[in-house]
PDB file of N, CA and C in Angstrom:
ATOM      1  N   MET A   1      12.596   4.970 -49.471  1.00  0.00           N
ATOM      2  CA  MET A   1      13.873   5.510 -49.080  1.00  0.00           C
ATOM      3  C   MET A   1      14.613   6.030 -50.313  1.00  0.00           C
ATOM      4  N   PRO A   2      15.321   7.116 -50.106  1.00  0.00           N
ATOM      5  CA  PRO A   2      16.115   7.602 -51.236  1.00  0.00           C
ATOM      6  C   PRO A   2      17.281   6.657 -51.520  1.00  0.00           C
ATOM      7  N   HIS A   3      17.781   6.716 -52.724  1.00  0.00           N
ATOM      8  CA  HIS A   3      18.877   5.840 -53.137  1.00  0.00           C
ATOM      9  C   HIS A   3      20.253   6.350 -52.706  1.00  0.00           C
ATOM     10  N   ARG A   4      20.292   7.527 -52.120  1.00  0.00           N
ATOM     11  CA  ARG A   4      21.575   8.022 -51.649  1.00  0.00           C
ATOM     12  C   ARG A   4      21.439   8.490 -50.213  1.00  0.00           C
ATOM     13  N   PHE A   5      22.547   8.468 -49.474  1.00  0.00           N
ATOM     14  CA  PHE A   5      22.570   8.851 -48.072  1.00  0.00           C
ATOM     15  C   PHE A   5      22.497  10.358 -47.929  1.00  0.00           C
ATOM     16  N   VAL A   6      21.541  10.810 -47.113  1.00  0.00           N
ATOM     17  CA  VAL A   6      21.416  12.235 -46.819  1.00  0.00           C
ATOM     18  C   VAL A   6      21.535  12.376 -45.301  1.00  0.00           C
ATOM     19  N   PRO A   7      22.670  12.865 -44.792  1.00  0.00           N
ATOM     20  CA  PRO A   7      22.857  12.953 -43.345  1.00  0.00           C
ATOM     21  C   PRO A   7      21.929  13.982 -42.707  1.00  0.00           C
ATOM     22  N   VAL A   8      21.534  13.721 -41.482  1.00  0.00           N
ATOM     23  CA  VAL A   8      20.694  14.645 -40.727  1.00  0.00           C
ATOM     24  C   VAL A   8      21.616  15.654 -40.036  1.00  0.00           C
ATOM     25  N   PRO A   9      21.390  16.931 -40.212  1.00  0.00           N
ATOM     26  CA  PRO A   9      22.310  17.928 -39.662  1.00  0.00           C
ATOM     27  C   PRO A   9      22.103  18.237 -38.170  1.00  0.00           C
ATOM     28  N   THR A  10      21.114  17.645 -37.543  1.00  0.00           N
ATOM     29  CA  THR A  10      20.814  17.962 -36.137  1.00  0.00           C
ATOM     30  C   THR A  10      21.193  16.796 -35.214  1.00  0.00           C
ATOM     31  N   ALA A  11      20.925  16.956 -33.932  1.00  0.00           N
ATOM     32  CA  ALA A  11      21.228  15.925 -32.937  1.00  0.00           C
ATOM     33  C   ALA A  11      20.379  14.673 -33.145  1.00  0.00           C
ATOM     34  N   ASP A  12      19.312  14.751 -33.925  1.00  0.00           N
ATOM     35  CA  ASP A  12      18.474  13.580 -34.208  1.00  0.00           C
ATOM     36  C   ASP A  12      19.277  12.450 -34.853  1.00  0.00           C
ATOM     37  N   SER A  13      20.376  12.796 -35.491  1.00  0.00           N
ATOM     38  CA  SER A  13      21.177  11.771 -36.158  1.00  0.00           C
ATOM     39  C   SER A  13      21.880  10.850 -35.165  1.00  0.00           C
ATOM     40  N   TRP A  14      21.922  11.215 -33.900  1.00  0.00           N
ATOM     41  CA  TRP A  14      22.581  10.386 -32.884  1.00  0.00           C
ATOM     42  C   TRP A  14      21.654   9.349 -32.279  1.00  0.00           C
ATOM     43  N   GLN A  15      20.421   9.295 -32.685  1.00  0.00           N
ATOM     44  CA  GLN A  15      19.493   8.291 -32.170  1.00  0.00           C
ATOM     45  C   GLN A  15      19.951   6.901 -32.587  1.00  0.00           C
ATOM     46  N   LEU A  16      19.678   5.935 -31.702  1.00  0.00           N
ATOM     47  CA  LEU A  16      20.048   4.553 -31.993  1.00  0.00           C
ATOM     48  C   LEU A  16      18.947   3.860 -32.771  1.00  0.00           C
ATOM     49  N   SER A  17      19.334   2.966 -33.619  1.00  0.00           N
ATOM     50  CA  SER A  17      18.334   2.213 -34.370  1.00  0.00           C
ATOM     51  C   SER A  17      17.888   0.967 -33.607  1.00  0.00           C
ATOM     52  N   ASN A  18      18.674   0.544 -32.623  1.00  0.00           N
ATOM     53  CA  ASN A  18      18.331  -0.640 -31.823  1.00  0.00           C
ATOM     54  C   ASN A  18      17.901  -0.205 -30.433  1.00  0.00           C
ATOM     55  N   ALA A  19      16.930  -0.890 -29.903  1.00  0.00           N
ATOM     56  CA  ALA A  19      16.449  -0.568 -28.565  1.00  0.00           C
ATOM     57  C   ALA A  19      17.465  -1.010 -27.514  1.00  0.00           C
ATOM     58  N   PRO A  20      17.543  -0.297 -26.382  1.00  0.00           N
ATOM     59  CA  PRO A  20      18.460  -0.679 -25.310  1.00  0.00           C
ATOM     60  C   PRO A  20      18.093  -2.044 -24.732  1.00  0.00           C
ATOM     61  N   ILE A  21      19.084  -2.890 -24.494  1.00  0.00           N
ATOM     62  CA  ILE A  21      18.854  -4.268 -24.096  1.00  0.00           C
ATOM     63  C   ILE A  21      18.171  -4.381 -22.734  1.00  0.00           C
ATOM     64  N   LEU A  22      18.527  -3.534 -21.772  1.00  0.00           N
ATOM     65  CA  LEU A  22      17.908  -3.630 -20.449  1.00  0.00           C
ATOM     66  C   LEU A  22      16.424  -3.259 -20.490  1.00  0.00           C
ATOM     67  N   GLU A  23      16.087  -2.270 -21.274  1.00  0.00           N
ATOM     68  CA  GLU A  23      14.675  -1.909 -21.422  1.00  0.00           C
ATOM     69  C   GLU A  23      13.903  -3.018 -22.114  1.00  0.00           C
ATOM     70  N   MET A  24      14.503  -3.641 -23.100  1.00  0.00           N
ATOM     71  CA  MET A  24      13.837  -4.733 -23.809  1.00  0.00           C
ATOM     72  C   MET A  24      13.674  -5.964 -22.915  1.00  0.00           C
ATOM     73  N   ALA A  25      14.622  -6.213 -22.010  1.00  0.00           N
ATOM     74  CA  ALA A  25      14.508  -7.336 -21.077  1.00  0.00           C
ATOM     75  C   ALA A  25      13.317  -7.121 -20.149  1.00  0.00           C
ATOM     76  N   ALA A  26      13.154  -5.901 -19.652  1.00  0.00           N
ATOM     77  CA  ALA A  26      12.013  -5.592 -18.787  1.00  0.00           C
ATOM     78  C   ALA A  26      10.697  -5.709 -19.556  1.00  0.00           C
ATOM     79  N   LEU A  27      10.682  -5.226 -20.782  1.00  0.00           N
ATOM     80  CA  LEU A  27       9.476  -5.323 -21.607  1.00  0.00           C
ATOM     81  C   LEU A  27       9.109  -6.772 -21.868  1.00  0.00           C
ATOM     82  N   ARG A  28      10.107  -7.590 -22.182  1.00  0.00           N
ATOM     83  CA  ARG A  28       9.851  -9.004 -22.449  1.00  0.00           C
ATOM     84  C   ARG A  28       9.271  -9.696 -21.221  1.00  0.00           C
ATOM     85  N   ALA A  29       9.812  -9.403 -20.045  1.00  0.00           N
ATOM     86  CA  ALA A  29       9.302 -10.002 -18.811  1.00  0.00           C
ATOM     87  C   ALA A  29       7.854  -9.601 -18.569  1.00  0.00           C
ATOM     88  N   SER A  30       7.520  -8.342 -18.810  1.00  0.00           N
ATOM     89  CA  SER A  30       6.139  -7.903 -18.596  1.00  0.00           C
ATOM     90  C   SER A  30       5.197  -8.534 -19.618  1.00  0.00           C
ATOM     91  N   LEU A  31       5.656  -8.685 -20.860  1.00  0.00           N
ATOM     92  CA  LEU A  31       4.812  -9.310 -21.871  1.00  0.00           C
ATOM     93  C   LEU A  31       4.577 -10.792 -21.574  1.00  0.00           C
ATOM     94  N   GLU A  32       5.565 -11.446 -20.969  1.00  0.00           N
ATOM     95  CA  GLU A  32       5.382 -12.845 -20.564  1.00  0.00           C
ATOM     96  C   GLU A  32       4.301 -12.963 -19.499  1.00  0.00           C
ATOM     97  N   LEU A  33       4.236 -11.985 -18.589  1.00  0.00           N
ATOM     98  CA  LEU A  33       3.184 -11.993 -17.560  1.00  0.00           C
ATOM     99  C   LEU A  33       1.804 -11.799 -18.190  1.00  0.00           C
ATOM    100  N   PHE A  34       1.713 -10.889 -19.144  1.00  0.00           N
ATOM    101  CA  PHE A  34       0.442 -10.689 -19.841  1.00  0.00           C
ATOM    102  C   PHE A  34       0.038 -11.943 -20.600  1.00  0.00           C
ATOM    103  N   ASP A  35       1.000 -12.595 -21.216  1.00  0.00           N
ATOM    104  CA  ASP A  35       0.730 -13.823 -21.960  1.00  0.00           C
ATOM    105  C   ASP A  35       0.256 -14.928 -21.017  1.00  0.00           C
ATOM    106  N   GLU A  36       0.885 -15.023 -19.863  1.00  0.00           N
ATOM    107  CA  GLU A  36       0.505 -16.040 -18.874  1.00  0.00           C
ATOM    108  C   GLU A  36      -0.916 -15.806 -18.353  1.00  0.00           C
ATOM    109  N   ALA A  37      -1.263 -14.553 -18.129  1.00  0.00           N
ATOM    110  CA  ALA A  37      -2.599 -14.239 -17.618  1.00  0.00           C
ATOM    111  C   ALA A  37      -3.671 -14.512 -18.662  1.00  0.00           C
ATOM    112  N   GLY A  38      -3.378 -14.239 -19.914  1.00  0.00           N
ATOM    113  CA  GLY A  38      -4.356 -14.456 -20.978  1.00  0.00           C
ATOM    114  C   GLY A  38      -5.193 -13.217 -21.226  1.00  0.00           C
ATOM    115  N   MET A  39      -5.451 -12.957 -22.481  1.00  0.00           N
ATOM    116  CA  MET A  39      -6.177 -11.746 -22.860  1.00  0.00           C
ATOM    117  C   MET A  39      -7.615 -11.748 -22.348  1.00  0.00           C
ATOM    118  N   SER A  40      -8.256 -12.902 -22.339  1.00  0.00           N
ATOM    119  CA  SER A  40      -9.654 -12.946 -21.879  1.00  0.00           C
ATOM    120  C   SER A  40      -9.753 -12.597 -20.394  1.00  0.00           C
ATOM    121  N   ARG A  41      -8.798 -13.059 -19.598  1.00  0.00           N
ATOM    122  CA  ARG A  41      -8.818 -12.734 -18.165  1.00  0.00           C
ATOM    123  C   ARG A  41      -8.499 -11.258 -17.938  1.00  0.00           C
ATOM    124  N   LEU A  42      -7.569 -10.718 -18.707  1.00  0.00           N
ATOM    125  CA  LEU A  42      -7.243  -9.303 -18.571  1.00  0.00           C
ATOM    126  C   LEU A  42      -8.420  -8.420 -18.966  1.00  0.00           C
ATOM    127  N   THR A  43      -9.100  -8.780 -20.042  1.00  0.00           N
ATOM    128  CA  THR A  43     -10.270  -8.024 -20.491  1.00  0.00           C
ATOM    129  C   THR A  43     -11.387  -8.091 -19.451  1.00  0.00           C
ATOM    130  N   ALA A  44     -11.621  -9.281 -18.921  1.00  0.00           N
ATOM    131  CA  ALA A  44     -12.671  -9.444 -17.911  1.00  0.00           C
ATOM    132  C   ALA A  44     -12.369  -8.611 -16.672  1.00  0.00           C
ATOM    133  N   LYS A  45     -11.128  -8.615 -16.238  1.00  0.00           N
ATOM    134  CA  LYS A  45     -10.750  -7.839 -15.059  1.00  0.00           C
ATOM    135  C   LYS A  45     -10.893  -6.349 -15.325  1.00  0.00           C
ATOM    136  N   GLY A  46     -10.509  -5.914 -16.501  1.00  0.00           N
ATOM    137  CA  GLY A  46     -10.651  -4.505 -16.849  1.00  0.00           C
ATOM    138  C   GLY A  46     -12.103  -4.072 -16.864  1.00  0.00           C
ATOM    139  N   LYS A  47     -12.968  -4.888 -17.443  1.00  0.00           N
ATOM    140  CA  LYS A  47     -14.404  -4.565 -17.463  1.00  0.00           C
ATOM    141  C   LYS A  47     -14.979  -4.571 -16.057  1.00  0.00           C
ATOM    142  N   GLU A  48     -14.531  -5.529 -15.228  1.00  0.00           N
ATOM    143  CA  GLU A  48     -15.006  -5.615 -13.843  1.00  0.00           C
ATOM    144  C   GLU A  48     -14.628  -4.365 -13.065  1.00  0.00           C
ATOM    145  N   ARG A  49     -13.423  -3.901 -13.238  1.00  0.00           N
ATOM    146  CA  ARG A  49     -12.951  -2.737 -12.493  1.00  0.00           C
ATOM    147  C   ARG A  49     -13.573  -1.430 -12.981  1.00  0.00           C
ATOM    148  N   THR A  50     -13.827  -1.307 -14.251  1.00  0.00           N
ATOM    149  CA  THR A  50     -14.379  -0.055 -14.753  1.00  0.00           C
ATOM    150  C   THR A  50     -15.896  -0.016 -14.683  1.00  0.00           C
ATOM    151  N   SER A  51     -16.556  -1.169 -14.683  1.00  0.00           N
ATOM    152  CA  SER A  51     -18.024  -1.162 -14.672  1.00  0.00           C
ATOM    153  C   SER A  51     -18.579  -0.666 -13.354  1.00  0.00           C
ATOM    154  N   THR A  52     -17.869  -0.795 -12.246  1.00  0.00           N
ATOM    155  CA  THR A  52     -18.379  -0.346 -10.946  1.00  0.00           C
ATOM    156  C   THR A  52     -18.480   1.168 -10.884  1.00  0.00           C
ATOM    157  N   TYR A  53     -17.710   1.884 -11.678  1.00  0.00           N
ATOM    158  CA  TYR A  53     -17.746   3.326 -11.657  1.00  0.00           C
ATOM    159  C   TYR A  53     -18.904   3.886 -12.469  1.00  0.00           C
ATOM    160  N   TYR A  54     -19.469   3.099 -13.352  1.00  0.00           N
ATOM    161  CA  TYR A  54     -20.514   3.600 -14.242  1.00  0.00           C
ATOM    162  C   TYR A  54     -21.882   3.038 -13.924  1.00  0.00           C
ATOM    163  N   LEU A  55     -22.014   2.361 -12.814  1.00  0.00           N
ATOM    164  CA  LEU A  55     -23.331   1.808 -12.450  1.00  0.00           C
ATOM    165  C   LEU A  55     -24.195   2.827 -11.760  1.00  0.00           C
TER     166      LEU A  55
END
């Protein structure tokens, strides 16, 4: 990073640095479901579903 502030002259400067709380709440809930299911079960299900198309 530069040692001095250089403002962005376009609308890009209005972007937020923090994620919106409602979107993060939904993301957290979905990640909890993935965590509960477990990666090995998710991988197995994915392989099961895709392997039938390539047999």
